[in-house]
Amino acid sequence: MQAQTLQTLAKTRFNKLRMGVFPKHYVYNENEPLFPMFECRLDGTEDFARPNVRGFQQFDKQVRALMAMGIESDGRVKDVSCRLLVG
């Protein structure tokens, strides 16, 4: 989905983009992030003192891809869920 989004943006005249990295449970979108932005505690809650390096690396990768396309971007990290990682 991320590659498809970049391909679509490449065909537009957008030069700024704001991203949110958090679960979105709407009728039309139930996609979770590839990686949680914070490590999870045993009870399934986020531990905001322990950032997930893989999550931030993926986010940085997408920001760099947008920069290469001439698109200024920023993002907001909030309420990333650990539900997928804890049974």
N, C-alpha and C. Protein backbone atom coordinates (compact mmCIF):
# COMPACT_ATOMS: atom_id res chain seq x y z
N MET A 1 0.82 -1.19 0.00
CA MET A 1 0.00 0.00 0.00
C MET A 1 0.87 1.26 0.00
N GLN A 2 2.00 1.23 0.73
CA GLN A 2 2.86 2.41 0.78
C GLN A 2 3.46 2.71 -0.60
N ALA A 3 3.88 1.68 -1.32
CA ALA A 3 4.44 1.89 -2.65
C ALA A 3 3.38 2.44 -3.60
N GLN A 4 2.16 1.93 -3.49
CA GLN A 4 1.06 2.42 -4.33
C GLN A 4 0.76 3.89 -4.03
N THR A 5 0.80 4.25 -2.76
CA THR A 5 0.58 5.65 -2.38
C THR A 5 1.64 6.56 -2.99
N LEU A 6 2.91 6.14 -2.92
CA LEU A 6 3.99 6.94 -3.50
C LEU A 6 3.82 7.07 -5.01
N GLN A 7 3.41 6.00 -5.68
CA GLN A 7 3.18 6.06 -7.13
C GLN A 7 2.05 7.03 -7.46
N THR A 8 1.01 7.00 -6.66
CA THR A 8 -0.12 7.91 -6.89
C THR A 8 0.31 9.36 -6.66
N LEU A 9 1.04 9.61 -5.59
CA LEU A 9 1.50 10.97 -5.31
C LEU A 9 2.43 11.50 -6.40
N ALA A 10 3.21 10.62 -7.00
CA ALA A 10 4.13 11.03 -8.06
C ALA A 10 3.37 11.61 -9.26
N LYS A 11 2.11 11.26 -9.41
CA LYS A 11 1.30 11.73 -10.54
C LYS A 11 0.53 13.01 -10.22
N THR A 12 0.71 13.53 -9.01
CA THR A 12 -0.06 14.71 -8.59
C THR A 12 0.85 15.92 -8.47
N ARG A 13 0.25 17.04 -8.08
CA ARG A 13 1.01 18.27 -7.88
C ARG A 13 1.16 18.62 -6.41
N PHE A 14 0.96 17.63 -5.53
CA PHE A 14 1.14 17.88 -4.11
C PHE A 14 2.59 18.27 -3.83
N ASN A 15 2.79 19.25 -2.92
CA ASN A 15 4.15 19.57 -2.50
C ASN A 15 4.28 19.56 -0.98
N LYS A 16 3.19 19.27 -0.28
CA LYS A 16 3.22 19.14 1.19
C LYS A 16 2.27 18.03 1.60
N LEU A 17 2.65 17.33 2.67
CA LEU A 17 1.83 16.22 3.13
C LEU A 17 2.03 16.05 4.63
N ARG A 18 0.94 15.86 5.35
CA ARG A 18 1.01 15.56 6.79
C ARG A 18 0.55 14.13 6.98
N MET A 19 1.34 13.38 7.73
CA MET A 19 1.03 11.97 7.96
C MET A 19 0.73 11.73 9.42
N GLY A 20 -0.16 10.81 9.67
CA GLY A 20 -0.43 10.36 11.02
C GLY A 20 -0.09 8.88 11.11
N VAL A 21 0.59 8.51 12.15
CA VAL A 21 0.96 7.11 12.34
C VAL A 21 0.23 6.61 13.57
N PHE A 22 -0.94 6.06 13.36
CA PHE A 22 -1.75 5.54 14.44
C PHE A 22 -2.83 4.68 13.83
N PRO A 23 -3.40 3.76 14.59
CA PRO A 23 -4.46 2.90 14.05
C PRO A 23 -5.66 3.72 13.61
N LYS A 24 -6.19 3.35 12.48
CA LYS A 24 -7.37 4.02 11.94
C LYS A 24 -8.43 2.96 11.70
N HIS A 25 -9.46 2.94 12.47
CA HIS A 25 -10.51 1.94 12.30
C HIS A 25 -11.77 2.63 11.79
N TYR A 26 -11.76 2.90 10.49
CA TYR A 26 -12.93 3.48 9.85
C TYR A 26 -13.55 2.41 8.96
N VAL A 27 -14.72 2.64 8.49
CA VAL A 27 -15.39 1.69 7.61
C VAL A 27 -14.53 1.40 6.39
N TYR A 28 -13.87 2.41 5.85
CA TYR A 28 -13.10 2.26 4.62
C TYR A 28 -11.61 1.98 4.85
N ASN A 29 -11.14 1.95 6.10
CA ASN A 29 -9.72 1.73 6.33
C ASN A 29 -9.49 1.11 7.70
N GLU A 30 -8.97 -0.09 7.71
CA GLU A 30 -8.63 -0.75 8.96
C GLU A 30 -7.17 -1.21 8.94
N ASN A 31 -6.33 -0.52 8.19
CA ASN A 31 -4.92 -0.90 8.08
C ASN A 31 -4.13 -0.42 9.28
N GLU A 32 -3.36 -1.33 9.84
CA GLU A 32 -2.45 -1.00 10.94
C GLU A 32 -1.09 -0.63 10.36
N PRO A 33 -0.28 0.12 11.07
CA PRO A 33 1.09 0.40 10.62
C PRO A 33 1.87 -0.91 10.49
N LEU A 34 2.89 -0.91 9.64
CA LEU A 34 3.73 -2.11 9.50
C LEU A 34 4.41 -2.47 10.81
N PHE A 35 4.85 -1.46 11.54
CA PHE A 35 5.55 -1.67 12.80
C PHE A 35 4.99 -0.70 13.83
N PRO A 36 4.79 -1.14 15.06
CA PRO A 36 4.39 -0.19 16.10
C PRO A 36 5.53 0.79 16.36
N MET A 37 5.21 1.99 16.75
CA MET A 37 6.24 3.00 16.98
C MET A 37 6.89 2.87 18.35
N PHE A 38 6.25 2.13 19.24
CA PHE A 38 6.81 1.92 20.57
C PHE A 38 6.72 0.44 20.91
N GLU A 39 7.66 -0.03 21.71
CA GLU A 39 7.64 -1.41 22.17
C GLU A 39 6.43 -1.61 23.08
N CYS A 40 6.00 -2.85 23.20
CA CYS A 40 4.83 -3.18 24.00
C CYS A 40 5.22 -3.78 25.34
N ARG A 41 4.42 -3.46 26.32
CA ARG A 41 4.55 -4.13 27.62
C ARG A 41 3.86 -5.49 27.52
N LEU A 42 4.05 -6.32 28.52
CA LEU A 42 3.42 -7.64 28.53
C LEU A 42 1.89 -7.57 28.51
N ASP A 43 1.34 -6.47 29.04
CA ASP A 43 -0.13 -6.34 29.06
C ASP A 43 -0.70 -5.80 27.75
N GLY A 44 0.18 -5.54 26.75
CA GLY A 44 -0.28 -5.08 25.44
C GLY A 44 -0.33 -3.59 25.28
N THR A 45 -0.01 -2.82 26.30
CA THR A 45 -0.02 -1.36 26.19
C THR A 45 1.34 -0.88 25.69
N GLU A 46 1.35 0.30 25.11
CA GLU A 46 2.58 0.87 24.59
C GLU A 46 3.46 1.38 25.72
N ASP A 47 4.75 1.17 25.57
CA ASP A 47 5.74 1.69 26.52
C ASP A 47 6.44 2.86 25.84
N PHE A 48 5.97 4.07 26.13
CA PHE A 48 6.47 5.26 25.44
C PHE A 48 7.91 5.59 25.79
N ALA A 49 8.48 4.90 26.75
CA ALA A 49 9.90 5.07 27.08
C ALA A 49 10.79 4.18 26.21
N ARG A 50 10.17 3.31 25.39
CA ARG A 50 10.92 2.36 24.56
C ARG A 50 10.49 2.46 23.10
N PRO A 51 11.06 3.40 22.35
CA PRO A 51 10.71 3.52 20.93
C PRO A 51 11.10 2.24 20.17
N ASN A 52 10.30 1.90 19.18
CA ASN A 52 10.59 0.77 18.31
C ASN A 52 11.42 1.30 17.13
N VAL A 53 12.67 0.94 17.09
CA VAL A 53 13.58 1.45 16.06
C VAL A 53 13.07 1.12 14.66
N ARG A 54 12.56 -0.08 14.46
CA ARG A 54 12.07 -0.47 13.13
C ARG A 54 10.92 0.42 12.67
N GLY A 55 10.05 0.78 13.59
CA GLY A 55 8.93 1.65 13.23
C GLY A 55 9.41 3.02 12.78
N PHE A 56 10.34 3.59 13.52
CA PHE A 56 10.86 4.91 13.15
C PHE A 56 11.71 4.85 11.89
N GLN A 57 12.43 3.75 11.68
CA GLN A 57 13.20 3.60 10.44
C GLN A 57 12.27 3.54 9.22
N GLN A 58 11.17 2.82 9.35
CA GLN A 58 10.20 2.75 8.24
C GLN A 58 9.59 4.11 7.97
N PHE A 59 9.24 4.83 9.02
CA PHE A 59 8.69 6.17 8.87
C PHE A 59 9.70 7.09 8.17
N ASP A 60 10.96 7.04 8.61
CA ASP A 60 12.02 7.84 7.99
C ASP A 60 12.19 7.49 6.52
N LYS A 61 12.10 6.21 6.20
CA LYS A 61 12.22 5.77 4.80
C LYS A 61 11.15 6.42 3.93
N GLN A 62 9.93 6.46 4.44
CA GLN A 62 8.84 7.06 3.67
C GLN A 62 9.01 8.58 3.55
N VAL A 63 9.49 9.22 4.60
CA VAL A 63 9.75 10.66 4.53
C VAL A 63 10.83 10.95 3.49
N ARG A 64 11.89 10.14 3.47
CA ARG A 64 12.95 10.32 2.46
C ARG A 64 12.41 10.13 1.04
N ALA A 65 11.53 9.15 0.86
CA ALA A 65 10.94 8.91 -0.46
C ALA A 65 10.13 10.13 -0.91
N LEU A 66 9.39 10.72 0.01
CA LEU A 66 8.62 11.92 -0.32
C LEU A 66 9.54 13.09 -0.63
N MET A 67 10.62 13.23 0.14
CA MET A 67 11.58 14.31 -0.11
C MET A 67 12.18 14.17 -1.51
N ALA A 68 12.49 12.95 -1.92
CA ALA A 68 13.06 12.72 -3.24
C ALA A 68 12.10 13.12 -4.35
N MET A 69 10.80 13.12 -4.03
CA MET A 69 9.77 13.52 -4.99
C MET A 69 9.47 15.02 -4.89
N GLY A 70 10.17 15.73 -4.01
CA GLY A 70 9.93 17.16 -3.84
C GLY A 70 8.73 17.47 -2.98
N ILE A 71 8.31 16.51 -2.16
CA ILE A 71 7.15 16.70 -1.29
C ILE A 71 7.63 16.90 0.14
N GLU A 72 7.29 18.05 0.71
CA GLU A 72 7.61 18.33 2.11
C GLU A 72 6.61 17.57 2.98
N SER A 73 7.11 16.91 4.01
CA SER A 73 6.20 16.12 4.85
C SER A 73 6.55 16.24 6.31
N ASP A 74 5.55 16.01 7.13
CA ASP A 74 5.77 15.88 8.56
C ASP A 74 4.79 14.84 9.05
N GLY A 75 5.02 14.37 10.25
CA GLY A 75 4.16 13.31 10.75
C GLY A 75 3.89 13.45 12.22
N ARG A 76 2.83 12.81 12.63
CA ARG A 76 2.42 12.79 14.02
C ARG A 76 2.33 11.34 14.46
N VAL A 77 3.00 11.02 15.51
CA VAL A 77 2.97 9.66 16.04
C VAL A 77 2.12 9.68 17.29
N LYS A 78 1.04 8.89 17.29
CA LYS A 78 0.13 8.90 18.44
C LYS A 78 -0.64 7.59 18.50
N ASP A 79 -0.81 7.08 19.69
CA ASP A 79 -1.70 5.96 19.96
C ASP A 79 -1.46 4.74 19.09
N VAL A 80 -0.23 4.39 18.86
CA VAL A 80 0.05 3.20 18.06
C VAL A 80 -0.25 1.97 18.91
N SER A 81 -0.97 1.06 18.34
CA SER A 81 -1.47 -0.09 19.11
C SER A 81 -0.53 -1.27 19.09
N CYS A 82 -0.50 -1.98 20.21
CA CYS A 82 0.27 -3.21 20.33
C CYS A 82 -0.65 -4.43 20.19
N ARG A 83 -1.89 -4.23 19.87
CA ARG A 83 -2.84 -5.34 19.87
C ARG A 83 -2.42 -6.47 18.95
N LEU A 84 -1.75 -6.16 17.83
CA LEU A 84 -1.36 -7.21 16.89
C LEU A 84 -0.21 -8.05 17.43
N LEU A 85 0.56 -7.54 18.37
CA LEU A 85 1.72 -8.25 18.86
C LEU A 85 1.45 -9.07 20.11
N VAL A 86 0.39 -8.77 20.79
CA VAL A 86 0.09 -9.46 22.05
C VAL A 86 -1.20 -10.26 21.87
N GLY A 87 -1.15 -11.53 22.20
CA GLY A 87 -2.31 -12.40 21.99
C GLY A 87 -3.35 -12.25 22.96
